[in-house]
mmCIF file of all heavy atoms, coordinates in Angstrom:
data_MODEL
# 
_entry.id   MODEL 
# 
loop_
_atom_site.group_PDB 
_atom_site.id 
_atom_site.type_symbol 
_atom_site.label_atom_id 
_atom_site.label_alt_id 
_atom_site.label_comp_id 
_atom_site.label_asym_id 
_atom_site.label_entity_id 
_atom_site.label_seq_id 
_atom_site.pdbx_PDB_ins_code 
_atom_site.Cartn_x 
_atom_site.Cartn_y 
_atom_site.Cartn_z 
_atom_site.occupancy 
_atom_site.B_iso_or_equiv 
_atom_site.pdbx_formal_charge 
_atom_site.auth_seq_id 
_atom_site.auth_comp_id 
_atom_site.auth_asym_id 
_atom_site.auth_atom_id 
_atom_site.pdbx_PDB_model_num 
ATOM 1   N N   . LEU A 1 1  ? 143.018 159.013 35.210 1.00 0.00 ? 1  LEU A N   1 
ATOM 2   C CA  . LEU A 1 1  ? 144.408 159.363 35.466 1.00 0.00 ? 1  LEU A CA  1 
ATOM 3   C C   . LEU A 1 1  ? 144.483 160.796 35.992 1.00 0.00 ? 1  LEU A C   1 
ATOM 4   O O   . LEU A 1 1  ? 144.141 161.739 35.274 1.00 0.00 ? 1  LEU A O   1 
ATOM 5   C CB  . LEU A 1 1  ? 145.252 159.254 34.197 1.00 0.00 ? 1  LEU A CB  1 
ATOM 6   C CG  . LEU A 1 1  ? 145.280 157.903 33.491 1.00 0.00 ? 1  LEU A CG  1 
ATOM 7   C CD1 . LEU A 1 1  ? 146.325 157.917 32.385 1.00 0.00 ? 1  LEU A CD1 1 
ATOM 8   C CD2 . LEU A 1 1  ? 145.539 156.760 34.449 1.00 0.00 ? 1  LEU A CD2 1 
ATOM 9   N N   . PRO A 1 2  ? 144.931 160.985 37.238 1.00 0.00 ? 2  PRO A N   1 
ATOM 10  C CA  . PRO A 1 2  ? 145.106 162.354 37.747 1.00 0.00 ? 2  PRO A CA  1 
ATOM 11  C C   . PRO A 1 2  ? 146.303 163.022 37.084 1.00 0.00 ? 2  PRO A C   1 
ATOM 12  O O   . PRO A 1 2  ? 147.100 162.381 36.382 1.00 0.00 ? 2  PRO A O   1 
ATOM 13  C CB  . PRO A 1 2  ? 145.336 162.140 39.241 1.00 0.00 ? 2  PRO A CB  1 
ATOM 14  C CG  . PRO A 1 2  ? 145.830 160.739 39.366 1.00 0.00 ? 2  PRO A CG  1 
ATOM 15  C CD  . PRO A 1 2  ? 145.223 159.962 38.237 1.00 0.00 ? 2  PRO A CD  1 
ATOM 16  N N   . GLN A 1 3  ? 146.433 164.311 37.317 1.00 0.00 ? 3  GLN A N   1 
ATOM 17  C CA  . GLN A 1 3  ? 147.458 165.085 36.624 1.00 0.00 ? 3  GLN A CA  1 
ATOM 18  C C   . GLN A 1 3  ? 148.868 164.584 36.916 1.00 0.00 ? 3  GLN A C   1 
ATOM 19  O O   . GLN A 1 3  ? 149.740 164.620 36.042 1.00 0.00 ? 3  GLN A O   1 
ATOM 20  C CB  . GLN A 1 3  ? 147.343 166.570 36.998 1.00 0.00 ? 3  GLN A CB  1 
ATOM 21  C CG  . GLN A 1 3  ? 148.223 167.493 36.153 1.00 0.00 ? 3  GLN A CG  1 
ATOM 22  C CD  . GLN A 1 3  ? 147.908 167.396 34.668 1.00 0.00 ? 3  GLN A CD  1 
ATOM 23  O OE1 . GLN A 1 3  ? 146.755 167.486 34.264 1.00 0.00 ? 3  GLN A OE1 1 
ATOM 24  N NE2 . GLN A 1 3  ? 148.931 167.194 33.850 1.00 0.00 ? 3  GLN A NE2 1 
ATOM 25  N N   . TRP A 1 4  ? 149.118 164.083 38.136 1.00 0.00 ? 4  TRP A N   1 
ATOM 26  C CA  . TRP A 1 4  ? 150.476 163.639 38.434 1.00 0.00 ? 4  TRP A CA  1 
ATOM 27  C C   . TRP A 1 4  ? 150.886 162.465 37.548 1.00 0.00 ? 4  TRP A C   1 
ATOM 28  O O   . TRP A 1 4  ? 152.062 162.318 37.187 1.00 0.00 ? 4  TRP A O   1 
ATOM 29  C CB  . TRP A 1 4  ? 150.637 163.291 39.921 1.00 0.00 ? 4  TRP A CB  1 
ATOM 30  C CG  . TRP A 1 4  ? 149.975 162.022 40.398 1.00 0.00 ? 4  TRP A CG  1 
ATOM 31  C CD1 . TRP A 1 4  ? 148.781 161.904 41.030 1.00 0.00 ? 4  TRP A CD1 1 
ATOM 32  C CD2 . TRP A 1 4  ? 150.498 160.684 40.294 1.00 0.00 ? 4  TRP A CD2 1 
ATOM 33  N NE1 . TRP A 1 4  ? 148.508 160.587 41.328 1.00 0.00 ? 4  TRP A NE1 1 
ATOM 34  C CE2 . TRP A 1 4  ? 149.554 159.812 40.887 1.00 0.00 ? 4  TRP A CE2 1 
ATOM 35  C CE3 . TRP A 1 4  ? 151.666 160.139 39.764 1.00 0.00 ? 4  TRP A CE3 1 
ATOM 36  C CZ2 . TRP A 1 4  ? 149.739 158.435 40.961 1.00 0.00 ? 4  TRP A CZ2 1 
ATOM 37  C CZ3 . TRP A 1 4  ? 151.849 158.761 39.827 1.00 0.00 ? 4  TRP A CZ3 1 
ATOM 38  C CH2 . TRP A 1 4  ? 150.900 157.933 40.422 1.00 0.00 ? 4  TRP A CH2 1 
ATOM 39  N N   . VAL A 1 5  ? 149.911 161.616 37.147 1.00 0.00 ? 5  VAL A N   1 
ATOM 40  C CA  . VAL A 1 5  ? 150.211 160.513 36.234 1.00 0.00 ? 5  VAL A CA  1 
ATOM 41  C C   . VAL A 1 5  ? 150.450 161.044 34.823 1.00 0.00 ? 5  VAL A C   1 
ATOM 42  O O   . VAL A 1 5  ? 151.409 160.650 34.151 1.00 0.00 ? 5  VAL A O   1 
ATOM 43  C CB  . VAL A 1 5  ? 149.073 159.483 36.226 1.00 0.00 ? 5  VAL A CB  1 
ATOM 44  C CG1 . VAL A 1 5  ? 149.376 158.357 35.232 1.00 0.00 ? 5  VAL A CG1 1 
ATOM 45  C CG2 . VAL A 1 5  ? 148.848 158.912 37.614 1.00 0.00 ? 5  VAL A CG2 1 
ATOM 46  N N   . LEU A 1 6  ? 149.579 161.943 34.374 1.00 0.00 ? 6  LEU A N   1 
ATOM 47  C CA  . LEU A 1 6  ? 149.716 162.491 33.022 1.00 0.00 ? 6  LEU A CA  1 
ATOM 48  C C   . LEU A 1 6  ? 151.053 163.196 32.818 1.00 0.00 ? 6  LEU A C   1 
ATOM 49  O O   . LEU A 1 6  ? 151.611 163.190 31.714 1.00 0.00 ? 6  LEU A O   1 
ATOM 50  C CB  . LEU A 1 6  ? 148.567 163.467 32.743 1.00 0.00 ? 6  LEU A CB  1 
ATOM 51  C CG  . LEU A 1 6  ? 147.152 162.883 32.747 1.00 0.00 ? 6  LEU A CG  1 
ATOM 52  C CD1 . LEU A 1 6  ? 146.115 163.996 32.656 1.00 0.00 ? 6  LEU A CD1 1 
ATOM 53  C CD2 . LEU A 1 6  ? 146.967 161.897 31.606 1.00 0.00 ? 6  LEU A CD2 1 
ATOM 54  N N   . SER A 1 7  ? 151.581 163.784 33.887 1.00 0.00 ? 7  SER A N   1 
ATOM 55  C CA  . SER A 1 7  ? 152.808 164.582 33.784 1.00 0.00 ? 7  SER A CA  1 
ATOM 56  C C   . SER A 1 7  ? 154.078 163.780 34.042 1.00 0.00 ? 7  SER A C   1 
ATOM 57  O O   . SER A 1 7  ? 155.172 164.265 33.776 1.00 0.00 ? 7  SER A O   1 
ATOM 58  C CB  . SER A 1 7  ? 152.762 165.747 34.787 1.00 0.00 ? 7  SER A CB  1 
ATOM 59  O OG  . SER A 1 7  ? 151.630 166.555 34.574 1.00 0.00 ? 7  SER A OG  1 
ATOM 60  N N   . LEU A 1 8  ? 153.939 162.570 34.542 1.00 0.00 ? 8  LEU A N   1 
ATOM 61  C CA  . LEU A 1 8  ? 155.125 161.828 34.965 1.00 0.00 ? 8  LEU A CA  1 
ATOM 62  C C   . LEU A 1 8  ? 156.005 161.370 33.805 1.00 0.00 ? 8  LEU A C   1 
ATOM 63  O O   . LEU A 1 8  ? 157.218 161.591 33.827 1.00 0.00 ? 8  LEU A O   1 
ATOM 64  C CB  . LEU A 1 8  ? 154.701 160.638 35.838 1.00 0.00 ? 8  LEU A CB  1 
ATOM 65  C CG  . LEU A 1 8  ? 155.813 159.899 36.581 1.00 0.00 ? 8  LEU A CG  1 
ATOM 66  C CD1 . LEU A 1 8  ? 155.287 159.366 37.911 1.00 0.00 ? 8  LEU A CD1 1 
ATOM 67  C CD2 . LEU A 1 8  ? 156.379 158.737 35.762 1.00 0.00 ? 8  LEU A CD2 1 
ATOM 68  N N   . PRO A 1 9  ? 155.483 160.738 32.752 1.00 0.00 ? 9  PRO A N   1 
ATOM 69  C CA  . PRO A 1 9  ? 156.370 160.301 31.667 1.00 0.00 ? 9  PRO A CA  1 
ATOM 70  C C   . PRO A 1 9  ? 156.880 161.495 30.850 1.00 0.00 ? 9  PRO A C   1 
ATOM 71  O O   . PRO A 1 9  ? 156.177 162.497 30.670 1.00 0.00 ? 9  PRO A O   1 
ATOM 72  C CB  . PRO A 1 9  ? 155.467 159.410 30.803 1.00 0.00 ? 9  PRO A CB  1 
ATOM 73  C CG  . PRO A 1 9  ? 154.270 159.111 31.647 1.00 0.00 ? 9  PRO A CG  1 
ATOM 74  C CD  . PRO A 1 9  ? 154.093 160.289 32.537 1.00 0.00 ? 9  PRO A CD  1 
ATOM 75  N N   . ARG A 1 10 ? 158.081 161.359 30.339 1.00 0.00 ? 10 ARG A N   1 
ATOM 76  C CA  . ARG A 1 10 ? 158.699 162.437 29.545 1.00 0.00 ? 10 ARG A CA  1 
ATOM 77  C C   . ARG A 1 10 ? 157.848 162.813 28.335 1.00 0.00 ? 10 ARG A C   1 
ATOM 78  O O   . ARG A 1 10 ? 157.729 164.006 27.995 1.00 0.00 ? 10 ARG A O   1 
ATOM 79  C CB  . ARG A 1 10 ? 160.090 161.963 29.087 1.00 0.00 ? 10 ARG A CB  1 
ATOM 80  C CG  . ARG A 1 10 ? 160.846 162.938 28.191 1.00 0.00 ? 10 ARG A CG  1 
ATOM 81  C CD  . ARG A 1 10 ? 162.245 162.431 27.924 1.00 0.00 ? 10 ARG A CD  1 
ATOM 82  N NE  . ARG A 1 10 ? 162.247 161.140 27.241 1.00 0.00 ? 10 ARG A NE  1 
ATOM 83  C CZ  . ARG A 1 10 ? 162.176 160.983 25.921 1.00 0.00 ? 10 ARG A CZ  1 
ATOM 84  N NH1 . ARG A 1 10 ? 162.090 162.054 25.128 1.00 0.00 ? 10 ARG A NH1 1 
ATOM 85  N NH2 . ARG A 1 10 ? 162.209 159.784 25.378 1.00 0.00 ? 10 ARG A NH2 1 
ATOM 86  N N   . LEU A 1 11 ? 157.243 161.822 27.699 1.00 0.00 ? 11 LEU A N   1 
ATOM 87  C CA  . LEU A 1 11 ? 156.412 162.070 26.514 1.00 0.00 ? 11 LEU A CA  1 
ATOM 88  C C   . LEU A 1 11 ? 154.923 162.003 26.829 1.00 0.00 ? 11 LEU A C   1 
ATOM 89  O O   . LEU A 1 11 ? 154.095 161.968 25.918 1.00 0.00 ? 11 LEU A O   1 
ATOM 90  C CB  . LEU A 1 11 ? 156.758 161.048 25.421 1.00 0.00 ? 11 LEU A CB  1 
ATOM 91  C CG  . LEU A 1 11 ? 158.190 161.113 24.886 1.00 0.00 ? 11 LEU A CG  1 
ATOM 92  C CD1 . LEU A 1 11 ? 158.462 159.976 23.913 1.00 0.00 ? 11 LEU A CD1 1 
ATOM 93  C CD2 . LEU A 1 11 ? 158.464 162.459 24.223 1.00 0.00 ? 11 LEU A CD2 1 
ATOM 94  N N   . GLY A 1 12 ? 154.574 161.998 28.099 1.00 0.00 ? 12 GLY A N   1 
ATOM 95  C CA  . GLY A 1 12 ? 153.182 162.002 28.496 1.00 0.00 ? 12 GLY A CA  1 
ATOM 96  C C   . GLY A 1 12 ? 152.523 160.645 28.319 1.00 0.00 ? 12 GLY A C   1 
ATOM 97  O O   . GLY A 1 12 ? 153.176 159.603 28.257 1.00 0.00 ? 12 GLY A O   1 
ATOM 98  N N   . CYS A 1 13 ? 151.184 160.651 28.216 1.00 0.00 ? 13 CYS A N   1 
ATOM 99  C CA  . CYS A 1 13 ? 150.384 159.426 28.121 1.00 0.00 ? 13 CYS A CA  1 
ATOM 100 C C   . CYS A 1 13 ? 149.665 159.386 26.770 1.00 0.00 ? 13 CYS A C   1 
ATOM 101 O O   . CYS A 1 13 ? 148.974 160.339 26.403 1.00 0.00 ? 13 CYS A O   1 
ATOM 102 C CB  . CYS A 1 13 ? 149.363 159.367 29.253 1.00 0.00 ? 13 CYS A CB  1 
ATOM 103 S SG  . CYS A 1 13 ? 150.102 159.370 30.910 1.00 0.00 ? 13 CYS A SG  1 
ATOM 104 N N   . LEU A 1 14 ? 149.836 158.275 26.063 1.00 0.00 ? 14 LEU A N   1 
ATOM 105 C CA  . LEU A 1 14 ? 149.173 158.078 24.778 1.00 0.00 ? 14 LEU A CA  1 
ATOM 106 C C   . LEU A 1 14 ? 148.042 157.074 24.944 1.00 0.00 ? 14 LEU A C   1 
ATOM 107 O O   . LEU A 1 14 ? 148.203 156.051 25.603 1.00 0.00 ? 14 LEU A O   1 
ATOM 108 C CB  . LEU A 1 14 ? 150.153 157.579 23.723 1.00 0.00 ? 14 LEU A CB  1 
ATOM 109 C CG  . LEU A 1 14 ? 151.414 158.405 23.472 1.00 0.00 ? 14 LEU A CG  1 
ATOM 110 C CD1 . LEU A 1 14 ? 152.155 157.869 22.248 1.00 0.00 ? 14 LEU A CD1 1 
ATOM 111 C CD2 . LEU A 1 14 ? 151.092 159.874 23.303 1.00 0.00 ? 14 LEU A CD2 1 
ATOM 112 N N   . ASN A 1 15 ? 146.920 157.354 24.326 1.00 0.00 ? 15 ASN A N   1 
ATOM 113 C CA  . ASN A 1 15 ? 145.729 156.523 24.452 1.00 0.00 ? 15 ASN A CA  1 
ATOM 114 C C   . ASN A 1 15 ? 145.306 155.989 23.094 1.00 0.00 ? 15 ASN A C   1 
ATOM 115 O O   . ASN A 1 15 ? 145.332 156.711 22.099 1.00 0.00 ? 15 ASN A O   1 
ATOM 116 C CB  . ASN A 1 15 ? 144.583 157.341 25.072 1.00 0.00 ? 15 ASN A CB  1 
ATOM 117 C CG  . ASN A 1 15 ? 143.277 156.567 25.137 1.00 0.00 ? 15 ASN A CG  1 
ATOM 118 O OD1 . ASN A 1 15 ? 142.293 156.932 24.512 1.00 0.00 ? 15 ASN A OD1 1 
ATOM 119 N ND2 . ASN A 1 15 ? 143.261 155.498 25.894 1.00 0.00 ? 15 ASN A ND2 1 
ATOM 120 N N   . ILE A 1 16 ? 144.910 154.713 23.068 1.00 0.00 ? 16 ILE A N   1 
ATOM 121 C CA  . ILE A 1 16 ? 144.278 154.137 21.881 1.00 0.00 ? 16 ILE A CA  1 
ATOM 122 C C   . ILE A 1 16 ? 142.773 154.261 22.076 1.00 0.00 ? 16 ILE A C   1 
ATOM 123 O O   . ILE A 1 16 ? 142.210 153.619 22.970 1.00 0.00 ? 16 ILE A O   1 
ATOM 124 C CB  . ILE A 1 16 ? 144.658 152.659 21.694 1.00 0.00 ? 16 ILE A CB  1 
ATOM 125 C CG1 . ILE A 1 16 ? 146.171 152.497 21.580 1.00 0.00 ? 16 ILE A CG1 1 
ATOM 126 C CG2 . ILE A 1 16 ? 143.964 152.085 20.452 1.00 0.00 ? 16 ILE A CG2 1 
ATOM 127 C CD1 . ILE A 1 16 ? 146.618 151.034 21.493 1.00 0.00 ? 16 ILE A CD1 1 
ATOM 128 N N   . HIS A 1 17 ? 142.125 155.054 21.251 1.00 0.00 ? 17 HIS A N   1 
ATOM 129 C CA  . HIS A 1 17 ? 140.679 155.257 21.395 1.00 0.00 ? 17 HIS A CA  1 
ATOM 130 C C   . HIS A 1 17 ? 139.961 154.705 20.176 1.00 0.00 ? 17 HIS A C   1 
ATOM 131 O O   . HIS A 1 17 ? 140.331 154.981 19.029 1.00 0.00 ? 17 HIS A O   1 
ATOM 132 C CB  . HIS A 1 17 ? 140.346 156.738 21.551 1.00 0.00 ? 17 HIS A CB  1 
ATOM 133 C CG  . HIS A 1 17 ? 138.891 156.976 21.863 1.00 0.00 ? 17 HIS A CG  1 
ATOM 134 N ND1 . HIS A 1 17 ? 138.344 156.718 23.094 1.00 0.00 ? 17 HIS A ND1 1 
ATOM 135 C CD2 . HIS A 1 17 ? 137.872 157.400 21.070 1.00 0.00 ? 17 HIS A CD2 1 
ATOM 136 C CE1 . HIS A 1 17 ? 137.050 156.985 23.064 1.00 0.00 ? 17 HIS A CE1 1 
ATOM 137 N NE2 . HIS A 1 17 ? 136.740 157.395 21.848 1.00 0.00 ? 17 HIS A NE2 1 
ATOM 138 N N   . ALA A 1 18 ? 138.900 153.941 20.409 1.00 0.00 ? 18 ALA A N   1 
ATOM 139 C CA  . ALA A 1 18 ? 138.217 153.203 19.347 1.00 0.00 ? 18 ALA A CA  1 
ATOM 140 C C   . ALA A 1 18 ? 137.134 154.020 18.661 1.00 0.00 ? 18 ALA A C   1 
ATOM 141 O O   . ALA A 1 18 ? 135.959 153.627 18.599 1.00 0.00 ? 18 ALA A O   1 
ATOM 142 C CB  . ALA A 1 18 ? 137.643 151.910 19.908 1.00 0.00 ? 18 ALA A CB  1 
ATOM 143 N N   . SER A 1 19 ? 137.497 155.188 18.152 1.00 0.00 ? 19 SER A N   1 
ATOM 144 C CA  . SER A 1 19 ? 136.582 155.965 17.315 1.00 0.00 ? 19 SER A CA  1 
ATOM 145 C C   . SER A 1 19 ? 137.399 157.011 16.561 1.00 0.00 ? 19 SER A C   1 
ATOM 146 O O   . SER A 1 19 ? 138.583 157.200 16.824 1.00 0.00 ? 19 SER A O   1 
ATOM 147 C CB  . SER A 1 19 ? 135.497 156.665 18.146 1.00 0.00 ? 19 SER A CB  1 
ATOM 148 O OG  . SER A 1 19 ? 135.993 157.856 18.744 1.00 0.00 ? 19 SER A OG  1 
ATOM 149 N N   . LEU A 1 20 ? 136.729 157.680 15.633 1.00 0.00 ? 20 LEU A N   1 
ATOM 150 C CA  . LEU A 1 20 ? 137.346 158.801 14.918 1.00 0.00 ? 20 LEU A CA  1 
ATOM 151 C C   . LEU A 1 20 ? 136.994 160.078 15.677 1.00 0.00 ? 20 LEU A C   1 
ATOM 152 O O   . LEU A 1 20 ? 135.972 160.699 15.427 1.00 0.00 ? 20 LEU A O   1 
ATOM 153 C CB  . LEU A 1 20 ? 136.829 158.865 13.469 1.00 0.00 ? 20 LEU A CB  1 
ATOM 154 C CG  . LEU A 1 20 ? 137.119 157.633 12.605 1.00 0.00 ? 20 LEU A CG  1 
ATOM 155 C CD1 . LEU A 1 20 ? 136.453 157.768 11.243 1.00 0.00 ? 20 LEU A CD1 1 
ATOM 156 C CD2 . LEU A 1 20 ? 138.619 157.428 12.435 1.00 0.00 ? 20 LEU A CD2 1 
ATOM 157 N N   . LEU A 1 21 ? 137.827 160.415 16.627 1.00 0.00 ? 21 LEU A N   1 
ATOM 158 C CA  . LEU A 1 21 ? 137.548 161.589 17.447 1.00 0.00 ? 21 LEU A CA  1 
ATOM 159 C C   . LEU A 1 21 ? 137.399 162.832 16.588 1.00 0.00 ? 21 LEU A C   1 
ATOM 160 O O   . LEU A 1 21 ? 138.031 162.943 15.520 1.00 0.00 ? 21 LEU A O   1 
ATOM 161 C CB  . LEU A 1 21 ? 138.675 161.775 18.466 1.00 0.00 ? 21 LEU A CB  1 
ATOM 162 C CG  . LEU A 1 21 ? 138.724 160.707 19.574 1.00 0.00 ? 21 LEU A CG  1 
ATOM 163 C CD1 . LEU A 1 21 ? 139.999 160.850 20.394 1.00 0.00 ? 21 LEU A CD1 1 
ATOM 164 C CD2 . LEU A 1 21 ? 137.508 160.790 20.480 1.00 0.00 ? 21 LEU A CD2 1 
ATOM 165 N N   . PRO A 1 22 ? 136.501 163.771 17.015 1.00 0.00 ? 22 PRO A N   1 
ATOM 166 C CA  . PRO A 1 22 ? 135.825 163.850 18.315 1.00 0.00 ? 22 PRO A CA  1 
ATOM 167 C C   . PRO A 1 22 ? 134.493 163.090 18.395 1.00 0.00 ? 22 PRO A C   1 
ATOM 168 O O   . PRO A 1 22 ? 133.791 163.224 19.382 1.00 0.00 ? 22 PRO A O   1 
ATOM 169 C CB  . PRO A 1 22 ? 135.583 165.346 18.470 1.00 0.00 ? 22 PRO A CB  1 
ATOM 170 C CG  . PRO A 1 22 ? 135.330 165.814 17.073 1.00 0.00 ? 22 PRO A CG  1 
ATOM 171 C CD  . PRO A 1 22 ? 136.272 164.994 16.217 1.00 0.00 ? 22 PRO A CD  1 
ATOM 172 N N   . ARG A 1 23 ? 134.164 162.295 17.358 1.00 0.00 ? 23 ARG A N   1 
ATOM 173 C CA  . ARG A 1 23 ? 132.929 161.518 17.441 1.00 0.00 ? 23 ARG A CA  1 
ATOM 174 C C   . ARG A 1 23 ? 133.148 160.341 18.390 1.00 0.00 ? 23 ARG A C   1 
ATOM 175 O O   . ARG A 1 23 ? 134.161 159.655 18.327 1.00 0.00 ? 23 ARG A O   1 
ATOM 176 C CB  . ARG A 1 23 ? 132.509 161.018 16.059 1.00 0.00 ? 23 ARG A CB  1 
ATOM 177 C CG  . ARG A 1 23 ? 131.158 160.272 16.059 1.00 0.00 ? 23 ARG A CG  1 
ATOM 178 C CD  . ARG A 1 23 ? 130.536 160.262 14.688 1.00 0.00 ? 23 ARG A CD  1 
ATOM 179 N NE  . ARG A 1 23 ? 129.270 159.527 14.636 1.00 0.00 ? 23 ARG A NE  1 
ATOM 180 C CZ  . ARG A 1 23 ? 128.096 160.000 15.028 1.00 0.00 ? 23 ARG A CZ  1 
ATOM 181 N NH1 . ARG A 1 23 ? 128.029 161.225 15.530 1.00 0.00 ? 23 ARG A NH1 1 
ATOM 182 N NH2 . ARG A 1 23 ? 126.995 159.288 14.926 1.00 0.00 ? 23 ARG A NH2 1 
ATOM 183 N N   . TRP A 1 24 ? 132.179 160.145 19.256 1.00 0.00 ? 24 TRP A N   1 
ATOM 184 C CA  . TRP A 1 24 ? 132.146 159.048 20.213 1.00 0.00 ? 24 TRP A CA  1 
ATOM 185 C C   . TRP A 1 24 ? 133.299 159.077 21.208 1.00 0.00 ? 24 TRP A C   1 
ATOM 186 O O   . TRP A 1 24 ? 134.045 158.107 21.351 1.00 0.00 ? 24 TRP A O   1 
ATOM 187 C CB  . TRP A 1 24 ? 132.054 157.689 19.505 1.00 0.00 ? 24 TRP A CB  1 
ATOM 188 C CG  . TRP A 1 24 ? 130.876 157.555 18.606 1.00 0.00 ? 24 TRP A CG  1 
ATOM 189 C CD1 . TRP A 1 24 ? 130.872 157.210 17.298 1.00 0.00 ? 24 TRP A CD1 1 
ATOM 190 C CD2 . TRP A 1 24 ? 129.492 157.805 18.950 1.00 0.00 ? 24 TRP A CD2 1 
ATOM 191 N NE1 . TRP A 1 24 ? 129.602 157.213 16.791 1.00 0.00 ? 24 TRP A NE1 1 
ATOM 192 C CE2 . TRP A 1 24 ? 128.731 157.588 17.787 1.00 0.00 ? 24 TRP A CE2 1 
ATOM 193 C CE3 . TRP A 1 24 ? 128.837 158.197 20.123 1.00 0.00 ? 24 TRP A CE3 1 
ATOM 194 C CZ2 . TRP A 1 24 ? 127.352 157.732 17.756 1.00 0.00 ? 24 TRP A CZ2 1 
ATOM 195 C CZ3 . TRP A 1 24 ? 127.461 158.356 20.083 1.00 0.00 ? 24 TRP A CZ3 1 
ATOM 196 C CH2 . TRP A 1 24 ? 126.731 158.120 18.918 1.00 0.00 ? 24 TRP A CH2 1 
# 
């Protein structure tokens, strides 16, 4: 996702990541 996508929504972009960050 380039910056223009990340900045477009009012609340930004939320990601579901399958680990306990910052591991993996």
